[in-house]
């Protein structure tokens, strides 16, 4: 019996999910992979369960109908894990080519029961994570399905996301002023800035610890409170953010955006560990 994670209950949900995908897609099914925190190896009981599915072509109407029946059934299995699945269905050619990032694919939003078209998972960051760290639940090794991605392209994608998402949040802050997004924004910007400098993808936990070690110490309390705010997102997304905490979150995000705008993407391959960490252009 396959164990994809250390959590037996989650493994049962994932086995049922993969069986359902294989039945729905039949010969068009190529593989299913965990990405995100369960791929990079830094997860806990509050982590989202991010996945991607590789298939030969886009979903037919019949396949889509079968999957729209599958996901509510999985969601209602009685496990909390089943309510925290998030992922996308990729036609082979869209998954293979990082230049095809940004093309809408069928997507299951976190906490949702039906698929919708979205670009959410079709990013260079996700493809990098799947190719380098993806956990195969079924199918060949993920690296055989995705072309190599230049580190420069990864950094470019991260830099663009830090700035564009930040501008979106600053334009309509009221859309994000709840307890879930308050924590999510802080931890996401910690992770993205760390990944930009590292030239690799990591977890929110790694990003949070990196930010506390490398950014102005005045942000450490905000980062710790954001980490403590991760549990029960279904409830926290319905609760308003503390106004002072949200204002501090926006200031932190602006600081990360400023550092990002000043970051020049290097031509050379990424450095790892102490080598890149000792060369950070950040003033504490």
Protein backbone atom coordinates (compact mmCIF):
# COMPACT_ATOMS: atom_id res chain seq x y z
CA UNK A 1 0.00 0.00 0.00
CA UNK A 2 1.50 3.31 -1.09
CA UNK A 3 2.35 5.89 1.57
CA UNK A 4 2.91 9.31 0.04
CA UNK A 5 3.03 11.19 3.37
CA UNK A 6 3.54 10.30 7.06
CA UNK A 7 -0.21 10.71 7.66
CA UNK A 8 -2.20 7.51 7.21
CA UNK A 9 -5.56 9.23 6.92
CA UNK A 10 -4.22 11.58 4.25
CA UNK A 11 -2.68 8.68 2.34
CA UNK A 12 -6.09 7.00 2.16
CA UNK A 13 -7.64 10.20 0.80
CA UNK A 14 -4.90 10.47 -1.81
CA UNK A 15 -5.19 6.83 -2.85
CA UNK A 16 -8.94 7.27 -3.37
CA UNK A 17 -8.32 10.51 -5.26
CA UNK A 18 -5.79 8.92 -7.62
CA UNK A 19 -8.02 5.90 -8.26
CA UNK A 20 -10.84 8.25 -9.17
CA UNK A 21 -8.61 10.28 -11.48
CA UNK A 22 -7.40 7.15 -13.24
CA UNK A 23 -10.96 5.92 -13.73
CA UNK A 24 -12.12 9.30 -15.08
CA UNK A 25 -9.17 9.88 -17.43
CA UNK A 26 -8.60 6.25 -18.48
CA UNK A 27 -5.87 6.08 -21.15
CA UNK A 28 -5.34 9.85 -21.01
CA UNK A 29 -4.00 9.64 -17.45
CA UNK A 30 -0.20 10.04 -17.26
CA UNK A 31 0.57 10.72 -13.61
CA UNK A 32 -0.36 12.48 -10.36
CA UNK A 33 2.14 14.31 -8.15
CA UNK A 34 2.29 16.10 -4.83
CA UNK A 35 3.90 19.53 -4.95
CA UNK A 36 4.12 22.40 -2.46
CA UNK A 37 5.10 21.66 1.14
CA UNK A 38 4.56 17.91 0.80
CA UNK A 39 7.07 17.91 -2.05
CA UNK A 40 9.79 20.10 -0.53
CA UNK A 41 9.55 18.08 2.70
CA UNK A 42 8.50 20.78 5.16
CA UNK A 43 4.88 20.21 6.16
CA UNK A 44 2.67 19.70 9.19
CA UNK A 45 -0.94 18.91 10.00
CA UNK A 46 -2.01 22.41 8.88
CA UNK A 47 -0.41 22.24 5.42
CA UNK A 48 -2.40 22.45 2.20
CA UNK A 49 -2.22 19.32 0.05
CA UNK A 50 -1.11 20.57 -3.37
CA UNK A 51 -1.17 18.25 -6.36
CA UNK A 52 -0.94 18.31 -10.14
CA UNK A 53 -2.19 15.76 -12.65
CA UNK A 54 -0.54 15.14 -16.02
CA UNK A 55 -2.77 13.96 -18.86
CA UNK A 56 -2.41 13.53 -22.60
CA UNK A 57 -4.74 16.34 -23.66
CA UNK A 58 -7.31 18.74 -22.26
CA UNK A 59 -10.33 17.25 -20.51
CA UNK A 60 -13.18 16.04 -22.70
CA UNK A 61 -16.71 16.94 -21.64
CA UNK A 62 -17.21 13.40 -20.36
CA UNK A 63 -13.97 13.40 -18.37
CA UNK A 64 -14.82 16.78 -16.86
CA UNK A 65 -18.24 15.51 -15.77
CA UNK A 66 -16.65 12.49 -14.09
CA UNK A 67 -14.14 14.66 -12.24
CA UNK A 68 -16.87 17.08 -11.19
CA UNK A 69 -18.53 14.06 -9.56
CA UNK A 70 -15.27 12.77 -8.07
CA UNK A 71 -14.17 15.87 -6.17
CA UNK A 72 -17.35 16.34 -4.08
CA UNK A 73 -17.17 12.65 -3.19
CA UNK A 74 -13.57 13.03 -2.03
CA UNK A 75 -14.38 16.24 -0.15
CA UNK A 76 -17.12 14.45 1.78
CA UNK A 77 -15.04 11.40 2.76
CA UNK A 78 -15.15 12.55 6.38
CA UNK A 79 -11.48 13.50 6.63
CA UNK A 80 -10.31 17.05 7.27
CA UNK A 81 -7.46 16.37 4.85
CA UNK A 82 -9.99 15.93 2.05
CA UNK A 83 -11.08 19.54 2.54
CA UNK A 84 -7.55 20.87 2.02
CA UNK A 85 -6.77 19.53 -1.43
CA UNK A 86 -5.68 21.99 -4.12
CA UNK A 87 -4.41 21.25 -7.60
CA UNK A 88 -4.65 21.38 -11.39
CA UNK A 89 -4.99 19.11 -14.40
CA UNK A 90 -2.29 19.73 -17.02
CA UNK A 91 -2.29 18.58 -20.64
CA UNK A 92 1.13 17.11 -21.38
CA UNK A 93 2.37 19.91 -23.65
CA UNK A 94 1.32 22.70 -21.28
CA UNK A 95 3.07 20.98 -18.37
CA UNK A 96 6.21 20.25 -20.37
CA UNK A 97 7.02 23.78 -21.52
CA UNK A 98 7.68 26.57 -19.00
CA UNK A 99 6.93 29.09 -21.77
CA UNK A 100 3.32 27.86 -21.68
CA UNK A 101 2.95 29.01 -18.07
CA UNK A 102 -0.05 31.31 -17.70
CA UNK A 103 -2.34 29.19 -19.88
CA UNK A 104 -5.59 28.40 -17.98
CA UNK A 105 -6.04 24.76 -16.97
CA UNK A 106 -8.69 22.97 -14.91
CA UNK A 107 -8.11 23.81 -11.23
CA UNK A 108 -9.47 22.70 -7.85
CA UNK A 109 -9.24 25.62 -5.44
CA UNK A 110 -8.37 24.94 -1.81
CA UNK A 111 -11.57 23.99 0.01
CA UNK A 112 -13.59 23.72 -3.21
CA UNK A 113 -15.52 20.74 -4.59
CA UNK A 114 -15.61 21.56 -8.32
CA UNK A 115 -13.08 22.40 -11.01
CA UNK A 116 -12.76 25.74 -12.74
CA UNK A 117 -10.44 27.22 -15.34
CA UNK A 118 -7.51 29.06 -13.76
CA UNK A 119 -3.84 29.96 -14.23
CA UNK A 120 -3.25 29.46 -10.49
CA UNK A 121 -0.96 26.41 -10.71
CA UNK A 122 0.38 27.00 -14.21
CA UNK A 123 3.45 28.94 -13.16
CA UNK A 124 7.19 28.52 -13.52
CA UNK A 125 7.41 28.15 -9.73
CA UNK A 126 5.00 25.21 -9.64
CA UNK A 127 6.65 23.51 -12.62
CA UNK A 128 10.07 23.96 -11.01
CA UNK A 129 8.83 22.46 -7.74
CA UNK A 130 7.14 19.52 -9.44
CA UNK A 131 10.14 18.79 -11.67
CA UNK A 132 12.70 18.94 -8.87
CA UNK A 133 10.75 17.77 -5.83
CA UNK A 134 7.40 16.33 -6.94
CA UNK A 135 6.24 13.17 -5.17
CA UNK A 136 4.86 10.69 -7.71
CA UNK A 137 1.60 9.17 -6.50
CA UNK A 138 1.21 7.45 -9.89
CA UNK A 139 3.09 7.66 -13.17
CA UNK A 140 6.70 8.30 -14.20
CA UNK A 141 9.15 10.59 -12.41
CA UNK A 142 7.99 14.19 -12.80
CA UNK A 143 11.33 15.32 -14.23
CA UNK A 144 10.65 13.24 -17.34
CA UNK A 145 7.52 15.29 -18.07
CA UNK A 146 8.86 18.84 -17.62
CA UNK A 147 11.70 20.40 -19.58
CA UNK A 148 14.63 21.86 -17.56
CA UNK A 149 13.88 25.39 -16.35
CA UNK A 150 16.68 27.99 -16.25
CA UNK A 151 17.19 29.46 -12.78
CA UNK A 152 16.94 32.90 -14.32
CA UNK A 153 13.40 32.10 -15.48
CA UNK A 154 12.44 30.95 -11.98
CA UNK A 155 13.74 34.17 -10.47
CA UNK A 156 12.02 36.27 -13.14
CA UNK A 157 8.68 34.57 -12.39
CA UNK A 158 9.06 35.08 -8.64
CA UNK A 159 10.07 38.73 -9.07
CA UNK A 160 7.06 39.45 -11.29
CA UNK A 161 4.69 37.73 -8.84
CA UNK A 162 5.99 39.64 -5.80
CA UNK A 163 5.38 42.95 -7.55
CA UNK A 164 2.16 42.21 -9.46
CA UNK A 165 0.37 40.51 -6.56
CA UNK A 166 1.49 43.24 -4.19
CA UNK A 167 0.09 45.91 -6.52
CA UNK A 168 -3.20 44.01 -6.68
CA UNK A 169 -3.40 43.85 -2.88
CA UNK A 170 -2.57 47.55 -2.49
CA UNK A 171 -5.19 48.50 -5.09
CA UNK A 172 -8.00 46.61 -3.31
CA UNK A 173 -6.81 45.93 0.25
CA UNK A 174 -10.34 45.38 1.54
CA UNK A 175 -10.52 42.11 -0.48
CA UNK A 176 -7.66 40.72 1.60
CA UNK A 177 -8.48 42.16 5.02
CA UNK A 178 -9.31 38.94 6.83
CA UNK A 179 -7.34 36.79 9.25
CA UNK A 180 -6.50 34.15 6.66
CA UNK A 181 -5.02 36.53 4.12
CA UNK A 182 -3.25 38.56 6.79
CA UNK A 183 -1.17 35.50 7.71
CA UNK A 184 -0.99 34.16 4.17
CA UNK A 185 0.41 37.41 2.74
CA UNK A 186 3.17 37.63 5.34
CA UNK A 187 4.28 34.02 4.94
CA UNK A 188 4.00 34.08 1.15
CA UNK A 189 6.16 37.19 0.88
CA UNK A 190 8.74 35.66 3.22
CA UNK A 191 8.88 32.55 1.05
CA UNK A 192 8.93 34.37 -2.28
CA UNK A 193 11.75 36.73 -1.26
CA UNK A 194 13.80 33.84 0.09
CA UNK A 195 13.22 31.83 -3.10
CA UNK A 196 14.16 34.82 -5.27
CA UNK A 197 17.56 35.10 -3.61
CA UNK A 198 18.08 31.33 -3.30
CA UNK A 199 17.17 30.54 -6.89
CA UNK A 200 15.14 27.57 -5.67
CA UNK A 201 11.71 26.86 -4.20
CA UNK A 202 11.08 26.17 -0.53
CA UNK A 203 8.32 26.08 2.05
CA UNK A 204 6.62 28.83 4.03
CA UNK A 205 8.39 27.59 7.17
CA UNK A 206 11.81 27.93 5.52
CA UNK A 207 10.84 31.33 4.16
CA UNK A 208 9.67 32.55 7.56
CA UNK A 209 12.86 31.49 9.33
CA UNK A 210 14.98 32.97 6.53
CA UNK A 211 13.15 36.30 6.72
CA UNK A 212 13.58 36.49 10.49
CA UNK A 213 17.31 35.86 10.07
CA UNK A 214 17.89 38.25 7.16
CA UNK A 215 15.37 41.10 7.32
CA UNK A 216 14.93 43.90 9.84
CA UNK A 217 14.27 42.32 13.27
CA UNK A 218 11.20 44.54 13.67
CA UNK A 219 9.30 42.12 11.40
CA UNK A 220 10.01 39.02 13.53
CA UNK A 221 6.94 39.36 15.75
CA UNK A 222 4.65 39.83 12.74
CA UNK A 223 6.13 36.73 11.09
CA UNK A 224 5.70 34.63 14.23
CA UNK A 225 2.07 35.73 14.62
CA UNK A 226 1.42 34.94 10.96
CA UNK A 227 2.77 31.43 11.47
CA UNK A 228 0.57 30.96 14.55
CA UNK A 229 -2.44 32.09 12.46
CA UNK A 230 -2.22 29.23 9.95
CA UNK A 231 -4.69 26.72 11.53
CA UNK A 232 -8.35 26.56 10.46
CA UNK A 233 -8.29 28.67 7.28
CA UNK A 234 -11.98 27.94 6.60
CA UNK A 235 -12.88 29.93 9.71
CA UNK A 236 -10.15 32.59 9.56
CA UNK A 237 -11.07 33.61 6.00
CA UNK A 238 -14.49 34.68 7.37
CA UNK A 239 -13.05 36.72 10.25
CA UNK A 240 -11.84 40.30 9.76
CA UNK A 241 -8.17 41.04 10.22
CA UNK A 242 -7.06 43.18 13.13
CA UNK A 243 -6.68 46.66 11.53
CA UNK A 244 -3.29 47.36 13.09
CA UNK A 245 -1.98 43.91 12.19
CA UNK A 246 -3.20 44.25 8.62
CA UNK A 247 -1.63 47.70 8.29
CA UNK A 248 1.69 46.24 9.48
CA UNK A 249 1.28 43.39 6.99
CA UNK A 250 0.94 45.87 4.13
CA UNK A 251 4.02 47.74 5.30
CA UNK A 252 5.98 44.48 5.40
CA UNK A 253 4.79 43.63 1.90
CA UNK A 254 5.86 47.06 0.63
CA UNK A 255 9.34 46.49 2.07
CA UNK A 256 9.62 43.15 0.27
CA UNK A 257 8.41 44.76 -2.95
CA UNK A 258 11.03 47.50 -2.61
CA UNK A 259 13.81 44.95 -2.08
CA UNK A 260 12.52 42.98 -5.04
CA UNK A 261 12.47 45.97 -7.39
CA UNK A 262 16.12 46.57 -6.51
CA UNK A 263 17.14 42.96 -7.03
CA UNK A 264 19.10 42.34 -10.23
CA UNK A 265 18.66 38.78 -11.48
CA UNK A 266 22.14 37.26 -11.94
CA UNK A 267 23.18 35.56 -15.15
CA UNK A 268 24.91 32.68 -13.39
CA UNK A 269 23.19 29.61 -11.98
CA UNK A 270 21.84 29.91 -8.45
CA UNK A 271 24.05 29.56 -5.42
CA UNK A 272 22.95 27.38 -2.54
CA UNK A 273 23.29 27.35 1.22
CA UNK A 274 25.90 29.57 2.86
CA UNK A 275 27.27 30.75 -0.49
CA UNK A 276 24.12 32.59 -1.55
CA UNK A 277 23.14 33.51 2.00
CA UNK A 278 26.46 35.31 2.57
CA UNK A 279 25.94 37.40 -0.57
CA UNK A 280 22.47 38.77 0.12
CA UNK A 281 22.10 42.42 -0.88
CA UNK A 282 19.97 43.11 2.20
CA UNK A 283 20.76 45.56 4.95
CA UNK A 284 19.46 44.46 8.34
